[in-house]
C-alpha cells in the first residue's frame, strides 16, 4: 500500500500544479492538492519499511491525511458551489472540477486503504 500511496500523492501533486499553472498562476489555493500529495508521498516513503509496526503507523497516518483531504475537498466544493449560486452566478467550474477530482482521488485512495486494512486483519486472524 505504500507504493499506492506514493502514486496517489503524485496524482494530487499533478492536479495541484495543473490547477495552479492552468489558471495563470494567480490562485495559490489551487496548490492545496499539491500539499496533500506531498504529505502522502512523504508518508508513503516512510511506510516502506521492513518493520511491520512502522508500516502500520505510517499507513494509518496516510489514510487519516486522505480522509481529512476528502472531507475538506467535498466541503470546499459544496461551499464554493453554494456561494456562487446564492449570488446568482455560475460557479468557477475549473475550481469545482479540481476540488471534485481531488475528492474522487482521495475517495478511491481511502477505499483502497480500508480494504487493505481489512484484508490484513483477516489474514492475521487466520
C-alpha atoms as a PDB file:
ATOM      1  CA  UNK A   1       0.000   0.000   0.000  1.00  0.00           C
ATOM      2  CA  UNK A   2       2.952   2.345   0.488  1.00  0.00           C
ATOM      3  CA  UNK A   3       3.649   2.439  -3.237  1.00  0.00           C
ATOM      4  CA  UNK A   4      -0.040   3.066  -3.963  1.00  0.00           C
ATOM      5  CA  UNK A   5       0.132   5.968  -1.506  1.00  0.00           C
ATOM      6  CA  UNK A   6       3.050   7.467  -3.411  1.00  0.00           C
ATOM      7  CA  UNK A   7       1.169   7.102  -6.714  1.00  0.00           C
ATOM      8  CA  UNK A   8      -1.863   8.921  -5.319  1.00  0.00           C
ATOM      9  CA  UNK A   9       0.439  11.557  -3.873  1.00  0.00           C
ATOM     10  CA  UNK A  10       1.959  12.136  -7.302  1.00  0.00           C
ATOM     11  CA  UNK A  11      -1.505  12.372  -8.855  1.00  0.00           C
ATOM     12  CA  UNK A  12      -2.521  15.004  -6.289  1.00  0.00           C
ATOM     13  CA  UNK A  13       0.692  16.946  -6.885  1.00  0.00           C
ATOM     14  CA  UNK A  14       0.000  16.917 -10.625  1.00  0.00           C
ATOM     15  CA  UNK A  15      -3.598  18.030 -10.031  1.00  0.00           C
ATOM     16  CA  UNK A  16      -2.488  20.953  -7.880  1.00  0.00           C
ATOM     17  CA  UNK A  17       0.223  22.076 -10.286  1.00  0.00           C
ATOM     18  CA  UNK A  18      -2.108  21.756 -13.277  1.00  0.00           C
ATOM     19  CA  UNK A  19      -4.741  23.809 -11.490  1.00  0.00           C
ATOM     20  CA  UNK A  20      -2.244  26.466 -10.470  1.00  0.00           C
ATOM     21  CA  UNK A  21      -0.488  26.869 -13.800  1.00  0.00           C
ATOM     22  CA  UNK A  22      -3.675  26.241 -15.765  1.00  0.00           C
ATOM     23  CA  UNK A  23      -5.321  29.259 -14.175  1.00  0.00           C
ATOM     24  CA  UNK A  24      -2.429  31.602 -14.853  1.00  0.00           C
ATOM     25  CA  UNK A  25      -0.567  31.098 -11.547  1.00  0.00           C
ATOM     26  CA  UNK A  26      -2.862  33.560  -9.814  1.00  0.00           C
ATOM     27  CA  UNK A  27      -4.766  31.488  -7.252  1.00  0.00           C
ATOM     28  CA  UNK A  28      -2.415  29.901  -4.733  1.00  0.00           C
ATOM     29  CA  UNK A  29      -5.284  27.902  -3.255  1.00  0.00           C
ATOM     30  CA  UNK A  30      -5.110  25.766  -6.396  1.00  0.00           C
ATOM     31  CA  UNK A  31      -1.955  24.296  -4.851  1.00  0.00           C
ATOM     32  CA  UNK A  32      -3.853  22.719  -1.934  1.00  0.00           C
ATOM     33  CA  UNK A  33      -3.934  19.261  -3.609  1.00  0.00           C
ATOM     34  CA  UNK A  34      -0.162  19.567  -4.053  1.00  0.00           C
ATOM     35  CA  UNK A  35       0.359  19.859  -0.307  1.00  0.00           C
ATOM     36  CA  UNK A  36      -1.814  16.838   0.381  1.00  0.00           C
ATOM     37  CA  UNK A  37       0.100  14.987  -2.342  1.00  0.00           C
ATOM     38  CA  UNK A  38       3.445  15.891  -0.787  1.00  0.00           C
ATOM     39  CA  UNK A  39       2.200  14.688   2.603  1.00  0.00           C
ATOM     40  CA  UNK A  40       1.081  11.380   1.081  1.00  0.00           C
ATOM     41  CA  UNK A  41       4.359  10.939  -0.809  1.00  0.00           C
ATOM     42  CA  UNK A  42       6.367  11.551   2.358  1.00  0.00           C
ATOM     43  CA  UNK A  43       4.145   9.230   4.367  1.00  0.00           C
ATOM     44  CA  UNK A  44       4.288   6.598   1.635  1.00  0.00           C
ATOM     45  CA  UNK A  45       8.072   6.760   1.573  1.00  0.00           C
ATOM     46  CA  UNK A  46       8.179   6.405   5.364  1.00  0.00           C
ATOM     47  CA  UNK A  47       5.787   3.444   5.187  1.00  0.00           C
ATOM     48  CA  UNK A  48       8.224   1.500   3.013  1.00  0.00           C
ATOM     49  CA  UNK A  49       9.884  -0.300   5.870  1.00  0.00           C
ATOM     50  CA  UNK A  50      10.667  -3.860   6.888  1.00  0.00           C
ATOM     51  CA  UNK A  51       9.202  -3.049  10.326  1.00  0.00           C
ATOM     52  CA  UNK A  52       5.532  -4.009  10.391  1.00  0.00           C
ATOM     53  CA  UNK A  53       4.806  -1.626  13.263  1.00  0.00           C
ATOM     54  CA  UNK A  54       6.333   1.347  11.440  1.00  0.00           C
ATOM     55  CA  UNK A  55       4.469   0.421   8.248  1.00  0.00           C
ATOM     56  CA  UNK A  56       1.142   0.238  10.098  1.00  0.00           C
ATOM     57  CA  UNK A  57       1.657   3.547  11.887  1.00  0.00           C
ATOM     58  CA  UNK A  58       2.527   5.464   8.738  1.00  0.00           C
ATOM     59  CA  UNK A  59      -0.240   3.897   6.687  1.00  0.00           C
ATOM     60  CA  UNK A  60      -2.766   4.876   9.352  1.00  0.00           C
ATOM     61  CA  UNK A  61      -1.366   8.409   9.295  1.00  0.00           C
ATOM     62  CA  UNK A  62      -1.615   8.399   5.492  1.00  0.00           C
ATOM     63  CA  UNK A  63      -5.237   7.281   5.466  1.00  0.00           C
ATOM     64  CA  UNK A  64      -6.030   9.958   8.061  1.00  0.00           C
ATOM     65  CA  UNK A  65      -4.482  12.583   5.769  1.00  0.00           C
ATOM     66  CA  UNK A  66      -6.587  11.122   2.951  1.00  0.00           C
ATOM     67  CA  UNK A  67      -9.819  11.310   4.951  1.00  0.00           C
ATOM     68  CA  UNK A  68      -9.130  14.895   6.033  1.00  0.00           C
ATOM     69  CA  UNK A  69      -8.373  15.885   2.437  1.00  0.00           C
ATOM     70  CA  UNK A  70     -11.521  14.134   1.231  1.00  0.00           C
ATOM     71  CA  UNK A  71     -13.715  15.931   3.750  1.00  0.00           C
ATOM     72  CA  UNK A  72     -12.031  19.245   3.007  1.00  0.00           C
ATOM     73  CA  UNK A  73     -12.361  18.882  -0.762  1.00  0.00           C
ATOM     74  CA  UNK A  74     -16.043  17.962  -0.569  1.00  0.00           C
ATOM     75  CA  UNK A  75     -16.755  20.803   1.861  1.00  0.00           C
ATOM     76  CA  UNK A  76     -14.895  23.319  -0.297  1.00  0.00           C
ATOM     77  CA  UNK A  77     -16.680  22.162  -3.451  1.00  0.00           C
ATOM     78  CA  UNK A  78     -20.098  22.401  -1.805  1.00  0.00           C
ATOM     79  CA  UNK A  79     -19.294  25.772  -0.246  1.00  0.00           C
ATOM     80  CA  UNK A  80     -17.965  27.246  -3.492  1.00  0.00           C
ATOM     81  CA  UNK A  81     -20.907  25.990  -5.499  1.00  0.00           C
ATOM     82  CA  UNK A  82     -23.459  27.097  -2.923  1.00  0.00           C
ATOM     83  CA  UNK A  83     -21.898  30.530  -2.520  1.00  0.00           C
ATOM     84  CA  UNK A  84     -21.855  31.185  -6.270  1.00  0.00           C
ATOM     85  CA  UNK A  85     -25.446  30.003  -6.675  1.00  0.00           C
ATOM     86  CA  UNK A  86     -26.623  32.127  -3.742  1.00  0.00           C
ATOM     87  CA  UNK A  87     -25.210  35.160  -5.550  1.00  0.00           C
ATOM     88  CA  UNK A  88     -26.996  34.102  -8.724  1.00  0.00           C
ATOM     89  CA  UNK A  89     -23.713  33.450 -10.542  1.00  0.00           C
ATOM     90  CA  UNK A  90     -22.209  30.423 -12.211  1.00  0.00           C
ATOM     91  CA  UNK A  91     -19.574  28.735 -10.064  1.00  0.00           C
ATOM     92  CA  UNK A  92     -15.935  28.645 -11.125  1.00  0.00           C
ATOM     93  CA  UNK A  93     -16.112  25.337 -12.965  1.00  0.00           C
ATOM     94  CA  UNK A  94     -12.332  24.884 -13.126  1.00  0.00           C
ATOM     95  CA  UNK A  95     -12.027  25.198  -9.356  1.00  0.00           C
ATOM     96  CA  UNK A  96     -15.073  22.996  -8.840  1.00  0.00           C
ATOM     97  CA  UNK A  97     -13.644  20.325 -11.132  1.00  0.00           C
ATOM     98  CA  UNK A  98     -10.295  20.425  -9.318  1.00  0.00           C
ATOM     99  CA  UNK A  99     -11.980  20.053  -5.923  1.00  0.00           C
ATOM    100  CA  UNK A 100     -14.172  17.200  -7.114  1.00  0.00           C
ATOM    101  CA  UNK A 101     -11.194  15.494  -8.758  1.00  0.00           C
ATOM    102  CA  UNK A 102      -9.262  15.748  -5.505  1.00  0.00           C
ATOM    103  CA  UNK A 103     -12.246  14.331  -3.628  1.00  0.00           C
ATOM    104  CA  UNK A 104     -12.595  11.469  -6.125  1.00  0.00           C
ATOM    105  CA  UNK A 105      -8.895  10.581  -5.943  1.00  0.00           C
ATOM    106  CA  UNK A 106      -8.936  10.618  -2.160  1.00  0.00           C
ATOM    107  CA  UNK A 107     -12.166   8.613  -2.002  1.00  0.00           C
ATOM    108  CA  UNK A 108     -10.577   5.912  -4.135  1.00  0.00           C
ATOM    109  CA  UNK A 109      -7.390   6.037  -2.037  1.00  0.00           C
ATOM    110  CA  UNK A 110      -9.224   5.801   1.298  1.00  0.00           C
ATOM    111  CA  UNK A 111     -11.355   2.958  -0.043  1.00  0.00           C
ATOM    112  CA  UNK A 112      -8.242   1.045  -1.126  1.00  0.00           C
ATOM    113  CA  UNK A 113      -6.636   1.629   2.279  1.00  0.00           C
ATOM    114  CA  UNK A 114      -9.676   0.438   4.210  1.00  0.00           C
ATOM    115  CA  UNK A 115      -9.902  -2.691   2.066  1.00  0.00           C
ATOM    116  CA  UNK A 116      -6.192  -3.329   2.617  1.00  0.00           C
ATOM    117  CA  UNK A 117      -6.562  -2.884   6.385  1.00  0.00           C
ATOM    118  CA  UNK A 118      -9.496  -5.304   6.472  1.00  0.00           C
ATOM    119  CA  UNK A 119      -7.621  -7.864   4.383  1.00  0.00           C
ATOM    120  CA  UNK A 120      -4.528  -7.559   6.610  1.00  0.00           C
ATOM    121  CA  UNK A 121      -6.597  -8.055   9.759  1.00  0.00           C
ATOM    122  CA  UNK A 122      -8.342 -11.107   8.280  1.00  0.00           C
ATOM    123  CA  UNK A 123      -5.045 -12.675   7.213  1.00  0.00           C
ATOM    124  CA  UNK A 124      -3.609 -12.194  10.727  1.00  0.00           C
ATOM    125  CA  UNK A 125      -6.656 -13.855  12.314  1.00  0.00           C
ATOM    126  CA  UNK A 126      -6.386 -16.940  10.132  1.00  0.00           C
END
